[in-house]
Every structure is written in structure tokens, then in C-alpha cells.
């Protein structure tokens, strides 16, 4: 019986550490959990499991829907060097990327949308306008 008491005492003595560790882990996970969508336009060389910061020529992020952005109006952005697109959205709330032929985001010029919440190294199709919409919303 004494062995069991010692084992119990040992387990009880580590309980506060175990609880603190579990709380720290939850905290760390919450901290690392993405809260904003993230769009990057990239030069050639995209690596699907990499950050690709070094080849990024344009970056935008947000926590809500974004109205039309005209890339031709972005000072210093050379659209001819863009090769791929990276789109990442948190799972809650989730957003979709709508891409348009022209910078006015006219629905008739819709080129495509990334609706999975995650698209890395997606081929850039020469679109010039984009907007972020709530997951499942129409791009028009």
C-alpha cells in the first residue's frame, strides 16, 4: 500500500505542472492560430510548403471583407514579374479571394476565385483587381 501512496503523491505533485503546461499549450495554439486572411503575389520560385517572403512583391492582409483593390493603382508594383499567388484564410471566420481581369472588379471580368481558404503557388492569371469576400459569398 505504501508504494501506491508514493505513486499517488508523485502524481499529485506534478498535477499543477501538467495543468500549467496544458494551459500554456492552449495559449500558444491560440496565439499561433491565424486570425487574418493573407494575400501575396510572388515572383517565380514559389515553394508550396515555404513562407516565400523573399519572393513576395505584394502583400495584403485583413480580418474582414475587402472591397475592390486595383493592382494597377498600387505604386511601384510591377505586375509583369508576378508568377504565382498565395492566399491563406483562417478557418473562422473564413474568406474567399475573388480575382478580376480589370481593376474595377466588374463581375463580367471575373477570372476566378480561391474558395478553399488555402491556395499556395497558384498560377497568376494576369488579373488586375481583387477583393476578399466572406466564405461562400458571390464574387459579383
C-alpha atoms as a PDB file:
ATOM      1  CA  UNK A   1       0.000   0.000   0.000  1.00  0.00           C
ATOM      2  CA  UNK A   2       2.904   2.332   0.704  1.00  0.00           C
ATOM      3  CA  UNK A   3       4.088   2.059  -2.920  1.00  0.00           C
ATOM      4  CA  UNK A   4       0.692   3.146  -4.151  1.00  0.00           C
ATOM      5  CA  UNK A   5       0.676   6.097  -1.758  1.00  0.00           C
ATOM      6  CA  UNK A   6       4.106   7.202  -3.004  1.00  0.00           C
ATOM      7  CA  UNK A   7       2.980   6.893  -6.607  1.00  0.00           C
ATOM      8  CA  UNK A   8      -0.142   8.894  -5.847  1.00  0.00           C
ATOM      9  CA  UNK A   9       1.908  11.547  -4.048  1.00  0.00           C
ATOM     10  CA  UNK A  10       4.221  11.818  -7.063  1.00  0.00           C
ATOM     11  CA  UNK A  11       1.311  12.140  -9.469  1.00  0.00           C
ATOM     12  CA  UNK A  12      -0.353  14.784  -7.326  1.00  0.00           C
ATOM     13  CA  UNK A  13       2.883  16.751  -7.027  1.00  0.00           C
ATOM     14  CA  UNK A  14       3.144  17.018 -10.832  1.00  0.00           C
ATOM     15  CA  UNK A  15      -0.521  17.922 -11.338  1.00  0.00           C
ATOM     16  CA  UNK A  16      -0.036  21.731 -11.157  1.00  0.00           C
ATOM     17  CA  UNK A  17       2.768  21.468 -13.737  1.00  0.00           C
ATOM     18  CA  UNK A  18       0.599  19.317 -16.011  1.00  0.00           C
ATOM     19  CA  UNK A  19      -2.298  21.759 -15.803  1.00  0.00           C
ATOM     20  CA  UNK A  20       0.002  24.747 -16.386  1.00  0.00           C
ATOM     21  CA  UNK A  21       1.571  23.019 -19.389  1.00  0.00           C
ATOM     22  CA  UNK A  22      -1.832  22.238 -20.896  1.00  0.00           C
ATOM     23  CA  UNK A  23      -2.914  25.848 -20.406  1.00  0.00           C
ATOM     24  CA  UNK A  24       0.331  27.127 -21.928  1.00  0.00           C
ATOM     25  CA  UNK A  25      -0.148  24.845 -24.932  1.00  0.00           C
ATOM     26  CA  UNK A  26      -3.703  26.079 -25.492  1.00  0.00           C
ATOM     27  CA  UNK A  27      -2.451  29.638 -25.197  1.00  0.00           C
ATOM     28  CA  UNK A  28       0.342  29.011 -27.682  1.00  0.00           C
ATOM     29  CA  UNK A  29      -2.055  27.363 -30.129  1.00  0.00           C
ATOM     30  CA  UNK A  30      -4.442  30.305 -29.845  1.00  0.00           C
ATOM     31  CA  UNK A  31      -1.563  32.709 -30.393  1.00  0.00           C
ATOM     32  CA  UNK A  32      -0.337  30.881 -33.493  1.00  0.00           C
ATOM     33  CA  UNK A  33      -3.830  30.419 -34.947  1.00  0.00           C
ATOM     34  CA  UNK A  34      -4.212  32.704 -37.969  1.00  0.00           C
ATOM     35  CA  UNK A  35      -6.737  35.472 -37.404  1.00  0.00           C
ATOM     36  CA  UNK A  36      -6.459  37.287 -40.707  1.00  0.00           C
ATOM     37  CA  UNK A  37      -6.513  36.400 -44.361  1.00  0.00           C
ATOM     38  CA  UNK A  38      -3.241  36.877 -46.194  1.00  0.00           C
ATOM     39  CA  UNK A  39      -2.617  37.560 -49.891  1.00  0.00           C
ATOM     40  CA  UNK A  40       0.814  37.553 -51.506  1.00  0.00           C
ATOM     41  CA  UNK A  41       1.757  38.000 -55.146  1.00  0.00           C
ATOM     42  CA  UNK A  42       5.039  36.238 -55.836  1.00  0.00           C
ATOM     43  CA  UNK A  43       7.891  36.241 -58.330  1.00  0.00           C
ATOM     44  CA  UNK A  44       8.941  32.853 -59.781  1.00  0.00           C
ATOM     45  CA  UNK A  45      10.263  30.321 -57.286  1.00  0.00           C
ATOM     46  CA  UNK A  46       7.259  29.634 -55.065  1.00  0.00           C
ATOM     47  CA  UNK A  47       7.669  26.728 -52.647  1.00  0.00           C
ATOM     48  CA  UNK A  48       4.333  25.271 -51.547  1.00  0.00           C
ATOM     49  CA  UNK A  49       5.470  24.451 -48.018  1.00  0.00           C
ATOM     50  CA  UNK A  50       7.529  27.619 -47.530  1.00  0.00           C
ATOM     51  CA  UNK A  51       6.794  31.169 -46.431  1.00  0.00           C
ATOM     52  CA  UNK A  52       8.030  32.713 -49.730  1.00  0.00           C
ATOM     53  CA  UNK A  53       8.585  36.104 -48.095  1.00  0.00           C
ATOM     54  CA  UNK A  54      11.756  36.647 -50.123  1.00  0.00           C
ATOM     55  CA  UNK A  55       9.911  36.482 -53.469  1.00  0.00           C
ATOM     56  CA  UNK A  56       6.845  38.462 -52.409  1.00  0.00           C
ATOM     57  CA  UNK A  57       6.220  41.620 -54.460  1.00  0.00           C
ATOM     58  CA  UNK A  58       2.823  42.492 -52.960  1.00  0.00           C
ATOM     59  CA  UNK A  59       1.226  41.723 -49.612  1.00  0.00           C
ATOM     60  CA  UNK A  60      -2.155  42.473 -48.109  1.00  0.00           C
ATOM     61  CA  UNK A  61      -3.937  41.067 -45.071  1.00  0.00           C
ATOM     62  CA  UNK A  62      -7.121  41.720 -43.163  1.00  0.00           C
ATOM     63  CA  UNK A  63      -9.698  40.463 -40.717  1.00  0.00           C
ATOM     64  CA  UNK A  64     -12.829  41.324 -42.678  1.00  0.00           C
ATOM     65  CA  UNK A  65     -14.103  41.639 -46.221  1.00  0.00           C
ATOM     66  CA  UNK A  66     -12.118  43.928 -48.537  1.00  0.00           C
ATOM     67  CA  UNK A  67     -13.683  45.964 -51.298  1.00  0.00           C
ATOM     68  CA  UNK A  68     -12.136  46.080 -54.752  1.00  0.00           C
ATOM     69  CA  UNK A  69      -8.388  46.649 -54.936  1.00  0.00           C
ATOM     70  CA  UNK A  70      -6.999  47.865 -58.271  1.00  0.00           C
ATOM     71  CA  UNK A  71      -3.469  46.485 -58.574  1.00  0.00           C
ATOM     72  CA  UNK A  72      -2.670  48.891 -61.422  1.00  0.00           C
ATOM     73  CA  UNK A  73      -3.023  51.730 -58.905  1.00  0.00           C
ATOM     74  CA  UNK A  74      -0.503  50.249 -56.437  1.00  0.00           C
ATOM     75  CA  UNK A  75       2.589  52.442 -56.556  1.00  0.00           C
ATOM     76  CA  UNK A  76       5.736  50.551 -57.534  1.00  0.00           C
ATOM     77  CA  UNK A  77       4.013  47.232 -58.268  1.00  0.00           C
ATOM     78  CA  UNK A  78       5.251  45.633 -61.494  1.00  0.00           C
ATOM     79  CA  UNK A  79       2.558  43.134 -62.499  1.00  0.00           C
ATOM     80  CA  UNK A  80       4.769  41.613 -65.211  1.00  0.00           C
ATOM     81  CA  UNK A  81       7.059  39.936 -62.628  1.00  0.00           C
ATOM     82  CA  UNK A  82       4.231  38.109 -60.837  1.00  0.00           C
ATOM     83  CA  UNK A  83       4.215  34.348 -61.350  1.00  0.00           C
ATOM     84  CA  UNK A  84       2.075  32.900 -58.559  1.00  0.00           C
ATOM     85  CA  UNK A  85      -0.415  33.832 -55.853  1.00  0.00           C
ATOM     86  CA  UNK A  86      -0.599  32.765 -52.230  1.00  0.00           C
ATOM     87  CA  UNK A  87      -3.951  33.041 -50.390  1.00  0.00           C
ATOM     88  CA  UNK A  88      -4.454  31.896 -46.819  1.00  0.00           C
ATOM     89  CA  UNK A  89      -7.574  32.405 -44.756  1.00  0.00           C
ATOM     90  CA  UNK A  90      -8.323  31.425 -41.166  1.00  0.00           C
ATOM     91  CA  UNK A  91     -10.993  28.777 -40.727  1.00  0.00           C
ATOM     92  CA  UNK A  92     -13.170  31.064 -38.591  1.00  0.00           C
ATOM     93  CA  UNK A  93     -14.098  33.486 -39.941  1.00  0.00           C
ATOM     94  CA  UNK A  94     -13.158  32.301 -43.400  1.00  0.00           C
ATOM     95  CA  UNK A  95     -12.780  34.392 -46.548  1.00  0.00           C
ATOM     96  CA  UNK A  96     -12.553  33.741 -50.282  1.00  0.00           C
ATOM     97  CA  UNK A  97     -10.393  35.596 -52.813  1.00  0.00           C
ATOM     98  CA  UNK A  98     -12.152  36.906 -55.938  1.00  0.00           C
ATOM     99  CA  UNK A  99      -9.920  37.859 -58.895  1.00  0.00           C
ATOM    100  CA  UNK A 100     -10.929  40.110 -61.806  1.00  0.00           C
ATOM    101  CA  UNK A 101      -9.495  40.836 -65.252  1.00  0.00           C
ATOM    102  CA  UNK A 102      -9.660  44.603 -64.655  1.00  0.00           C
ATOM    103  CA  UNK A 103      -9.007  46.773 -61.643  1.00  0.00           C
ATOM    104  CA  UNK A 104     -12.668  47.789 -61.329  1.00  0.00           C
ATOM    105  CA  UNK A 105     -13.691  44.272 -60.168  1.00  0.00           C
ATOM    106  CA  UNK A 106     -16.616  44.176 -62.579  1.00  0.00           C
ATOM    107  CA  UNK A 107     -18.406  40.818 -62.262  1.00  0.00           C
ATOM    108  CA  UNK A 108     -18.251  40.338 -66.048  1.00  0.00           C
ATOM    109  CA  UNK A 109     -14.461  40.243 -65.753  1.00  0.00           C
ATOM    110  CA  UNK A 110     -14.303  37.593 -63.026  1.00  0.00           C
ATOM    111  CA  UNK A 111     -11.247  35.426 -63.713  1.00  0.00           C
ATOM    112  CA  UNK A 112     -11.626  33.060 -60.783  1.00  0.00           C
ATOM    113  CA  UNK A 113     -11.802  32.625 -57.044  1.00  0.00           C
ATOM    114  CA  UNK A 114      -9.895  30.739 -54.384  1.00  0.00           C
ATOM    115  CA  UNK A 115     -12.599  29.225 -52.223  1.00  0.00           C
ATOM    116  CA  UNK A 116     -10.757  26.564 -50.258  1.00  0.00           C
ATOM    117  CA  UNK A 117      -9.312  29.017 -47.736  1.00  0.00           C
ATOM    118  CA  UNK A 118      -5.842  27.977 -48.812  1.00  0.00           C
ATOM    119  CA  UNK A 119      -4.117  28.386 -52.152  1.00  0.00           C
ATOM    120  CA  UNK A 120      -0.315  28.470 -52.362  1.00  0.00           C
ATOM    121  CA  UNK A 121       1.696  28.726 -55.579  1.00  0.00           C
ATOM    122  CA  UNK A 122      -1.484  29.249 -57.609  1.00  0.00           C
ATOM    123  CA  UNK A 123      -0.696  30.409 -61.138  1.00  0.00           C
ATOM    124  CA  UNK A 124      -1.196  34.161 -61.600  1.00  0.00           C
ATOM    125  CA  UNK A 125      -3.644  34.655 -64.478  1.00  0.00           C
ATOM    126  CA  UNK A 126      -2.826  38.333 -65.179  1.00  0.00           C
ATOM    127  CA  UNK A 127      -5.791  39.663 -63.200  1.00  0.00           C
ATOM    128  CA  UNK A 128      -5.646  43.284 -62.070  1.00  0.00           C
ATOM    129  CA  UNK A 129      -8.397  43.540 -59.464  1.00  0.00           C
ATOM    130  CA  UNK A 130      -9.246  41.533 -56.374  1.00  0.00           C
ATOM    131  CA  UNK A 131     -11.443  41.537 -53.324  1.00  0.00           C
ATOM    132  CA  UNK A 132     -11.959  39.400 -50.226  1.00  0.00           C
ATOM    133  CA  UNK A 133     -15.477  38.157 -49.519  1.00  0.00           C
ATOM    134  CA  UNK A 134     -16.947  36.102 -46.697  1.00  0.00           C
ATOM    135  CA  UNK A 135     -16.686  32.374 -47.395  1.00  0.00           C
ATOM    136  CA  UNK A 136     -19.303  31.285 -49.905  1.00  0.00           C
ATOM    137  CA  UNK A 137     -20.389  34.797 -50.930  1.00  0.00           C
ATOM    138  CA  UNK A 138     -20.710  35.549 -54.622  1.00  0.00           C
ATOM    139  CA  UNK A 139     -17.908  37.461 -56.312  1.00  0.00           C
ATOM    140  CA  UNK A 140     -20.291  39.722 -58.273  1.00  0.00           C
END
